C-alpha atoms as a PDB file:
ATOM      1  CA  MET A   1      -0.347  -0.184  -0.266  1.00  0.00           C
ATOM      2  CA  SER A   2       1.591   3.435  -1.240  1.00  0.00           C
ATOM      3  CA  GLN A   3       1.625   6.039   1.761  1.00  0.00           C
ATOM      4  CA  THR A   4      -0.295   8.944   1.810  1.00  0.00           C
ATOM      5  CA  ARG A   5       1.909  12.242   0.935  1.00  0.00           C
ATOM      6  CA  ILE A   6      -0.355  15.005   2.287  1.00  0.00           C
ATOM      7  CA  ASP A   7      -3.904  14.001   3.291  1.00  0.00           C
ATOM      8  CA  ARG A   8      -6.856  15.684   2.706  1.00  0.00           C
ATOM      9  CA  PRO A   9      -7.702  17.721   5.278  1.00  0.00           C
ATOM     10  CA  GLU A  10      -3.756  18.778   5.623  1.00  0.00           C
ATOM     11  CA  PHE A  11      -4.056  19.645   1.612  1.00  0.00           C
ATOM     12  CA  ALA A  12      -6.961  22.197   2.234  1.00  0.00           C
ATOM     13  CA  ALA A  13      -5.247  23.740   4.686  1.00  0.00           C
ATOM     14  CA  LEU A  14      -2.351  24.554   3.010  1.00  0.00           C
ATOM     15  CA  THR A  15      -3.711  25.094  -0.161  1.00  0.00           C
ATOM     16  CA  PRO A  16      -6.872  28.198   0.858  1.00  0.00           C
ATOM     17  CA  GLY A  17      -9.319  28.356  -1.304  1.00  0.00           C
ATOM     18  CA  VAL A  18      -8.298  25.907  -4.335  1.00  0.00           C
ATOM     19  CA  SER A  19     -10.586  23.192  -2.447  1.00  0.00           C
ATOM     20  CA  GLU A  20     -13.240  25.007  -2.048  1.00  0.00           C
ATOM     21  CA  ALA A  21     -13.133  26.156  -5.751  1.00  0.00           C
ATOM     22  CA  LEU A  22     -13.361  22.582  -6.634  1.00  0.00           C
ATOM     23  CA  LEU A  23     -16.232  22.699  -4.093  1.00  0.00           C
ATOM     24  CA  ALA A  24     -18.083  25.067  -4.905  1.00  0.00           C
ATOM     25  CA  LEU A  25     -18.134  24.504  -9.198  1.00  0.00           C
ATOM     26  CA  GLY A  26     -19.026  20.753  -7.700  1.00  0.00           C
ATOM     27  CA  LYS A  27     -21.729  22.588  -6.497  1.00  0.00           C
ATOM     28  CA  ALA A  28     -22.854  24.413  -9.303  1.00  0.00           C
ATOM     29  CA  ILE A  29     -22.769  21.124 -11.737  1.00  0.00           C
ATOM     30  CA  ASN A  30     -24.387  19.627  -8.994  1.00  0.00           C
ATOM     31  CA  ASP A  31     -27.310  22.204  -9.334  1.00  0.00           C
ATOM     32  CA  SER A  32     -27.043  21.766 -13.387  1.00  0.00           C
ATOM     33  CA  GLY A  33     -30.011  19.583 -13.754  1.00  0.00           C
ATOM     34  CA  LEU A  34     -27.863  16.512 -14.743  1.00  0.00           C
ATOM     35  CA  GLU A  35     -29.200  13.884 -13.296  1.00  0.00           C
ATOM     36  CA  LYS A  36     -26.488  12.660 -10.239  1.00  0.00           C
ATOM     37  CA  ASP A  37     -26.313   8.950 -11.032  1.00  0.00           C
ATOM     38  CA  LEU A  38     -25.125  10.087 -14.358  1.00  0.00           C
ATOM     39  CA  LEU A  39     -21.976  12.053 -12.931  1.00  0.00           C
ATOM     40  CA  GLU A  40     -21.382   9.800 -10.102  1.00  0.00           C
ATOM     41  CA  LEU A  41     -20.648   7.070 -13.435  1.00  0.00           C
ATOM     42  CA  ILE A  42     -18.656   9.765 -14.927  1.00  0.00           C
ATOM     43  CA  LYS A  43     -16.800  10.481 -11.391  1.00  0.00           C
ATOM     44  CA  LEU A  44     -16.275   6.551 -11.288  1.00  0.00           C
ATOM     45  CA  ARG A  45     -15.151   5.680 -14.760  1.00  0.00           C
ATOM     46  CA  ALA A  46     -12.946   9.101 -15.111  1.00  0.00           C
ATOM     47  CA  SER A  47     -11.562   8.412 -11.084  1.00  0.00           C
ATOM     48  CA  GLN A  48     -11.089   4.353 -12.395  1.00  0.00           C
ATOM     49  CA  LEU A  49      -9.322   5.524 -15.979  1.00  0.00           C
ATOM     50  CA  ASN A  50      -7.425   7.753 -13.515  1.00  0.00           C
ATOM     51  CA  GLY A  51      -6.385   5.071 -10.707  1.00  0.00           C
ATOM     52  CA  CYS A  52      -7.479   7.675  -7.880  1.00  0.00           C
ATOM     53  CA  ALA A  53      -7.949   5.110  -5.543  1.00  0.00           C
ATOM     54  CA  PHE A  54      -9.504   8.092  -2.977  1.00  0.00           C
ATOM     55  CA  CYS A  55     -12.194   9.196  -5.611  1.00  0.00           C
ATOM     56  CA  LEU A  56     -12.684   5.559  -6.495  1.00  0.00           C
ATOM     57  CA  GLN A  57     -13.955   4.598  -3.326  1.00  0.00           C
ATOM     58  CA  PHE A  58     -15.790   8.440  -2.970  1.00  0.00           C
ATOM     59  CA  HIS A  59     -18.056   7.862  -5.277  1.00  0.00           C
ATOM     60  CA  LEU A  60     -18.912   4.229  -4.965  1.00  0.00           C
ATOM     61  CA  ASN A  61     -19.773   5.466  -1.478  1.00  0.00           C
ATOM     62  CA  VAL A  62     -22.203   8.147  -3.274  1.00  0.00           C
ATOM     63  CA  ALA A  63     -23.509   5.751  -6.203  1.00  0.00           C
ATOM     64  CA  ARG A  64     -24.463   3.442  -3.152  1.00  0.00           C
ATOM     65  CA  GLN A  65     -26.008   6.105  -0.661  1.00  0.00           C
ATOM     66  CA  LEU A  66     -28.422   6.670  -4.401  1.00  0.00           C
ATOM     67  CA  LYS A  67     -28.703   3.421  -4.634  1.00  0.00           C
ATOM     68  CA  MET A  68     -27.591   3.052  -8.427  1.00  0.00           C
ATOM     69  CA  PRO A  69     -27.898  -0.938  -9.494  1.00  0.00           C
ATOM     70  CA  GLN A  70     -25.291  -3.086  -8.505  1.00  0.00           C
ATOM     71  CA  SER A  71     -25.012  -4.067 -12.182  1.00  0.00           C
ATOM     72  CA  LYS A  72     -23.560  -0.498 -13.802  1.00  0.00           C
ATOM     73  CA  LEU A  73     -21.418  -0.661 -10.728  1.00  0.00           C
ATOM     74  CA  ASP A  74     -20.045  -3.838 -11.709  1.00  0.00           C
ATOM     75  CA  LEU A  75     -20.187  -2.601 -14.895  1.00  0.00           C
ATOM     76  CA  LEU A  76     -18.399   0.126 -15.791  1.00  0.00           C
ATOM     77  CA  PRO A  77     -14.852  -0.935 -16.822  1.00  0.00           C
ATOM     78  CA  VAL A  78     -17.078  -2.605 -19.642  1.00  0.00           C
ATOM     79  CA  TRP A  79     -19.810  -0.612 -20.504  1.00  0.00           C
ATOM     80  CA  ARG A  80     -19.248  -0.707 -24.307  1.00  0.00           C
ATOM     81  CA  GLU A  81     -20.323  -4.486 -23.682  1.00  0.00           C
ATOM     82  CA  ALA A  82     -22.869  -3.983 -21.321  1.00  0.00           C
ATOM     83  CA  PRO A  83     -26.438  -3.900 -21.626  1.00  0.00           C
ATOM     84  CA  VAL A  84     -27.650  -1.560 -18.662  1.00  0.00           C
ATOM     85  CA  PHE A  85     -26.190   1.405 -19.749  1.00  0.00           C
ATOM     86  CA  SER A  86     -28.843   4.226 -21.790  1.00  0.00           C
ATOM     87  CA  PRO A  87     -27.277   6.090 -24.348  1.00  0.00           C
ATOM     88  CA  ARG A  88     -27.307   8.570 -22.134  1.00  0.00           C
ATOM     89  CA  GLU A  89     -25.166   7.114 -20.490  1.00  0.00           C
ATOM     90  CA  GLN A  90     -23.601   5.746 -22.986  1.00  0.00           C
ATOM     91  CA  ALA A  91     -22.561   9.287 -24.837  1.00  0.00           C
ATOM     92  CA  ALA A  92     -22.105  10.675 -20.976  1.00  0.00           C
ATOM     93  CA  LEU A  93     -19.364   7.601 -20.566  1.00  0.00           C
ATOM     94  CA  ALA A  94     -17.877   8.433 -24.065  1.00  0.00           C
ATOM     95  CA  TRP A  95     -17.323  11.300 -23.395  1.00  0.00           C
ATOM     96  CA  THR A  96     -15.943  11.099 -20.121  1.00  0.00           C
ATOM     97  CA  GLU A  97     -13.329   8.386 -21.537  1.00  0.00           C
ATOM     98  CA  ALA A  98     -12.172  10.845 -24.387  1.00  0.00           C
ATOM     99  CA  LEU A  99     -11.592  13.878 -22.296  1.00  0.00           C
ATOM    100  CA  CYS A 100      -9.612  11.386 -19.827  1.00  0.00           C
ATOM    101  CA  THR A 101      -7.415  10.074 -22.580  1.00  0.00           C
ATOM    102  CA  PRO A 102      -7.100  12.900 -24.591  1.00  0.00           C
ATOM    103  CA  ALA A 103      -4.518  12.741 -26.714  1.00  0.00           C
ATOM    104  CA  ALA A 104      -5.787  11.382 -29.280  1.00  0.00           C
ATOM    105  CA  GLY A 105      -8.372  14.287 -29.926  1.00  0.00           C
ATOM    106  CA  ILE A 106     -12.251  14.557 -29.186  1.00  0.00           C
ATOM    107  CA  GLU A 107     -13.570  13.633 -32.875  1.00  0.00           C
ATOM    108  CA  ASP A 108     -16.378  15.583 -34.440  1.00  0.00           C
ATOM    109  CA  PRO A 109     -18.692  11.970 -34.193  1.00  0.00           C
ATOM    110  CA  LEU A 110     -18.361  11.673 -30.352  1.00  0.00           C
ATOM    111  CA  TYR A 111     -19.410  15.158 -29.632  1.00  0.00           C
ATOM    112  CA  GLU A 112     -21.905  15.204 -32.400  1.00  0.00           C
ATOM    113  CA  THR A 113     -23.689  12.539 -30.316  1.00  0.00           C
ATOM    114  CA  ALA A 114     -22.761  13.933 -26.872  1.00  0.00           C
ATOM    115  CA  LEU A 115     -24.236  16.952 -28.446  1.00  0.00           C
ATOM    116  CA  ALA A 116     -27.224  15.071 -29.665  1.00  0.00           C
ATOM    117  CA  GLU A 117     -28.217  13.810 -26.314  1.00  0.00           C
ATOM    118  CA  PHE A 118     -27.279  16.368 -24.420  1.00  0.00           C
ATOM    119  CA  GLY A 119     -27.748  19.832 -25.957  1.00  0.00           C
ATOM    120  CA  LYS A 120     -25.354  22.483 -25.814  1.00  0.00           C
ATOM    121  CA  ALA A 121     -26.222  23.777 -21.866  1.00  0.00           C
ATOM    122  CA  GLN A 122     -25.955  20.578 -20.454  1.00  0.00           C
ATOM    123  CA  LEU A 123     -22.918  18.875 -22.281  1.00  0.00           C
ATOM    124  CA  SER A 124     -21.024  22.526 -21.336  1.00  0.00           C
ATOM    125  CA  TYR A 125     -21.761  21.384 -17.923  1.00  0.00           C
ATOM    126  CA  LEU A 126     -20.812  17.348 -17.913  1.00  0.00           C
ATOM    127  CA  THR A 127     -18.181  18.790 -19.956  1.00  0.00           C
ATOM    128  CA  ALA A 128     -16.733  20.661 -16.483  1.00  0.00           C
ATOM    129  CA  ALA A 129     -17.372  17.555 -14.118  1.00  0.00           C
ATOM    130  CA  ILE A 130     -15.368  15.909 -16.097  1.00  0.00           C
ATOM    131  CA  ALA A 131     -12.779  18.701 -15.575  1.00  0.00           C
ATOM    132  CA  ASN A 132     -13.342  18.252 -12.384  1.00  0.00           C
ATOM    133  CA  ILE A 133     -12.525  15.030 -11.396  1.00  0.00           C
ATOM    134  CA  ASN A 134      -9.958  14.940 -13.360  1.00  0.00           C
ATOM    135  CA  ALA A 135      -8.521  17.617 -11.345  1.00  0.00           C
ATOM    136  CA  TRP A 136      -9.684  16.087  -8.122  1.00  0.00           C
ATOM    137  CA  ASN A 137      -7.900  12.499  -9.477  1.00  0.00           C
ATOM    138  CA  ARG A 138      -4.915  14.434  -9.895  1.00  0.00           C
ATOM    139  CA  ILE A 139      -4.486  15.764  -7.048  1.00  0.00           C
ATOM    140  CA  ALA A 140      -5.699  13.243  -5.053  1.00  0.00           C
ATOM    141  CA  GLY A 141      -4.017  10.405  -6.852  1.00  0.00           C
ATOM    142  CA  ALA A 142      -0.480  12.392  -6.971  1.00  0.00           C
ATOM    143  CA  LEU A 143      -0.700  13.124  -2.608  1.00  0.00           C
ATOM    144  CA  ARG A 144      -2.017   9.750  -1.813  1.00  0.00           C
ATOM    145  CA  PHE A 145      -5.091  10.795  -0.494  1.00  0.00           C
ATOM    146  CA  LEU A 146      -6.056   8.147   1.727  1.00  0.00           C
ATOM    147  CA  PRO A 147      -9.281   6.010   0.290  1.00  0.00           C
ATOM    148  CA  PRO A 148     -12.395   6.328   2.335  1.00  0.00           C
ATOM    149  CA  LEU A 149     -14.080   3.111   4.702  1.00  0.00           C
ATOM    150  CA  PRO A 150     -16.839   1.476   1.973  1.00  0.00           C
ATOM    151  CA  SER A 151     -20.070   1.884   3.124  1.00  0.00           C
ATOM    152  CA  SER A 152     -22.988  -0.342   3.617  1.00  0.00           C
ATOM    153  CA  PRO A 153     -25.458  -0.793   0.737  1.00  0.00           C
END
């Protein structure tokens, strides 16, 4: 097990305003009208891709509190092959993967699919949500925040 470099409370104390700004962005996204389940799916998928144990466990806890179907949580890494994800969820997950691994660029067909599913305003919020979880993943992963305890279903 990796040892924590700087824990979350210490990070917040060392960087006044940073955690608050990221949390404020998260609140604006939560207030956007995007479904809470959808937001947790993209946060989970981004955290898987970015290898962030803290964020993965944190958002699994949130997903369980929201009573998300266990099948979606189990099959998230292979969402393209799993029939449990709606077209809207698939579009969000594809957009998440493209924004987490942008080396190849984001192709127009993917953008058009996401735009058709979400519209400009919600796609903008979705993009901000993915950017926000990417920021948290980078911070928590680099500093090795200790993952929170799993919550009970």
